[in-house]
Each structure stands twice: as C-alpha cells, then as structure tokens.
Amino acid sequence: MSGINAGELINLVPTDGEKVPIGILQTDRLKVVRLTLPAGKEIPEHQAQGEITVQCLAGRVDFFVKGEPRAMSPGHLLFLEPGEPHALNAIEDSVMLVTLAIIDPAKKITEIDLQ
C-alpha cells in the first residue's frame, strides 16, 4: 500500500479537492485509512471483521453504532468491537482517520465505497 517506514511522520491533511479514501499504511495486522467526506455524504451500515477506531480530524459527522447516533467533531475517537454494525453521515465537509485491526491477513479488507 505505501512505502511508509516505522517512525516516519505522516501528513494527514488532504490536498485541495481530494475526496477519495487514502490508504495511509497497512501491515499484516493493521490498516489505517483517511476518509475525506463532503457534507451530506452517507456511508451505509456495514461491519468490520476486527476492532476499529474512528477519529474525527475535521468537520462534523453523525456516526451510528447499532442505529444509535454519536455526534463526532474534531478530537473525538470511537472504538468498535469486531462485527459491530455502524454507518455515518457527514454533516460538514469532514476528515476521518480509521484504524482497522486485521484478524486474518489472507482476507482482503474491502475498500470503502464513497461513490
């Protein structure tokens, strides 16, 4: 995915107009993705095979866990257990950092569809 080396600084600020998920890094046990979401973008309910954290870096997002909303803004971090249903709606243009634990390295983590 990337040529990031341990100890290297990573810039999480999106460039102008960037609206696609960017894989920041991936190892056999960890995947980190930055999501840049325009206001009004919804990601339907889905699940992750392993534990995840979701951090709001910019904007405001309604993040739904088992159908219950959590209002996220910069500085908020959410932890989810494996298989926990979740969805989100970007209230403002937003940037989210998602960290996924990889349970089975042989299984490919599907990309998040933002179309």
Protein backbone atom coordinates (compact mmCIF):
# COMPACT_ATOMS: atom_id res chain seq x y z
CA MET A 1 0.00 0.00 0.00
CA SER A 2 2.62 2.55 0.99
CA GLY A 3 6.32 2.89 1.47
CA ILE A 4 5.93 4.27 4.99
CA ASN A 5 8.73 3.31 7.37
CA ALA A 6 8.36 2.91 11.12
CA GLY A 7 9.00 6.24 12.84
CA GLU A 8 8.22 8.29 9.72
CA LEU A 9 5.89 11.30 10.07
CA ILE A 10 2.69 11.11 8.02
CA ASN A 11 0.78 14.19 6.84
CA LEU A 12 -2.97 13.55 7.32
CA VAL A 13 -4.11 16.87 5.82
CA PRO A 14 -5.86 16.24 2.49
CA THR A 15 -4.83 18.17 -0.59
CA ASP A 16 -7.40 20.52 -2.19
CA GLY A 17 -10.29 18.64 -3.76
CA GLU A 18 -9.24 15.21 -2.54
CA LYS A 19 -12.44 13.19 -1.99
CA VAL A 20 -11.37 9.54 -2.06
CA PRO A 21 -10.24 7.27 0.77
CA ILE A 22 -6.47 7.22 1.06
CA GLY A 23 -4.69 4.19 2.48
CA ILE A 24 -2.12 5.68 4.82
CA LEU A 25 -0.43 2.42 5.76
CA GLN A 26 -1.01 -1.30 6.01
CA THR A 27 0.84 -4.11 7.75
CA ASP A 28 -0.13 -7.74 8.28
CA ARG A 29 -2.16 -6.72 11.36
CA LEU A 30 -3.14 -3.07 10.85
CA LYS A 31 -4.69 -0.81 8.21
CA VAL A 32 -5.01 2.98 8.52
CA VAL A 33 -7.26 4.91 6.11
CA ARG A 34 -8.03 8.61 5.86
CA LEU A 35 -11.56 9.41 4.66
CA THR A 36 -12.33 12.83 3.19
CA LEU A 37 -16.11 13.22 3.16
CA PRO A 38 -18.16 16.03 1.60
CA ALA A 39 -21.10 17.37 3.60
CA GLY A 40 -24.15 15.13 3.13
CA LYS A 41 -22.14 12.02 2.25
CA GLU A 42 -23.61 8.88 3.82
CA ILE A 43 -21.86 5.56 4.24
CA PRO A 44 -24.47 2.83 4.75
CA GLU A 45 -24.39 0.36 7.61
CA HIS A 46 -21.56 -2.16 7.41
CA GLN A 47 -19.26 -4.14 9.71
CA ALA A 48 -15.52 -4.68 10.13
CA GLN A 49 -14.01 -8.10 10.76
CA GLY A 50 -11.72 -6.77 13.51
CA GLU A 51 -11.63 -3.98 16.06
CA ILE A 52 -11.59 -0.45 14.67
CA THR A 53 -11.08 3.09 15.87
CA VAL A 54 -12.54 6.10 14.09
CA GLN A 55 -11.20 9.57 14.82
CA CYS A 56 -12.68 12.83 13.56
CA LEU A 57 -9.86 15.12 12.39
CA ALA A 58 -12.04 17.86 10.85
CA GLY A 59 -15.72 18.67 10.33
CA ARG A 60 -18.76 17.07 11.95
CA VAL A 61 -20.13 13.57 11.43
CA ASP A 62 -23.10 11.66 12.81
CA PHE A 63 -21.68 8.19 13.40
CA PHE A 64 -24.28 5.47 14.00
CA VAL A 65 -23.48 2.40 16.12
CA LYS A 66 -26.25 -0.21 16.07
CA GLY A 67 -28.55 2.54 14.78
CA GLU A 68 -27.77 4.96 17.64
CA PRO A 69 -26.14 8.28 16.62
CA ARG A 70 -22.95 9.68 18.10
CA ALA A 71 -22.07 13.28 17.13
CA MET A 72 -18.37 13.38 16.26
CA SER A 73 -16.28 16.52 15.86
CA PRO A 74 -12.51 17.14 15.86
CA GLY A 75 -10.80 15.37 18.73
CA HIS A 76 -13.45 12.63 19.14
CA LEU A 77 -12.39 8.99 18.92
CA LEU A 78 -14.71 5.99 18.72
CA PHE A 79 -13.79 2.34 19.32
CA LEU A 80 -15.84 -0.55 17.89
CA GLU A 81 -15.68 -4.27 18.55
CA PRO A 82 -15.43 -6.74 15.63
CA GLY A 83 -18.68 -7.15 13.71
CA GLU A 84 -20.38 -4.13 15.30
CA PRO A 85 -22.80 -2.57 12.75
CA HIS A 86 -22.04 1.08 12.00
CA ALA A 87 -22.81 3.83 9.47
CA LEU A 88 -22.14 7.54 9.13
CA ASN A 89 -23.42 10.80 7.71
CA ALA A 90 -21.10 13.79 7.16
CA ILE A 91 -22.85 16.91 8.49
CA GLU A 92 -19.99 19.13 7.25
CA ASP A 93 -17.03 18.51 4.97
CA SER A 94 -15.08 16.12 7.19
CA VAL A 95 -11.85 14.18 7.52
CA MET A 96 -11.85 10.90 9.45
CA LEU A 97 -8.99 8.58 10.37
CA VAL A 98 -9.97 4.90 10.50
CA THR A 99 -7.68 2.26 12.01
CA LEU A 100 -8.63 -1.38 11.41
CA ALA A 101 -7.17 -4.42 13.14
CA ILE A 102 -6.61 -7.18 10.60
CA ILE A 103 -7.73 -10.52 12.01
CA ASP A 104 -6.89 -12.72 9.02
CA PRO A 105 -4.16 -11.34 6.74
CA ALA A 106 -5.33 -13.74 3.99
CA LYS A 107 -8.69 -11.92 3.80
CA LYS A 108 -8.62 -8.65 1.89
CA ILE A 109 -10.27 -5.72 3.64
CA THR A 110 -12.76 -4.34 1.15
CA GLU A 111 -12.37 -0.71 0.22
CA ILE A 112 -14.95 1.77 1.45
CA ASP A 113 -17.17 2.82 -1.43
CA LEU A 114 -17.71 6.59 -1.42
CA GLN A 115 -19.42 6.81 -4.82
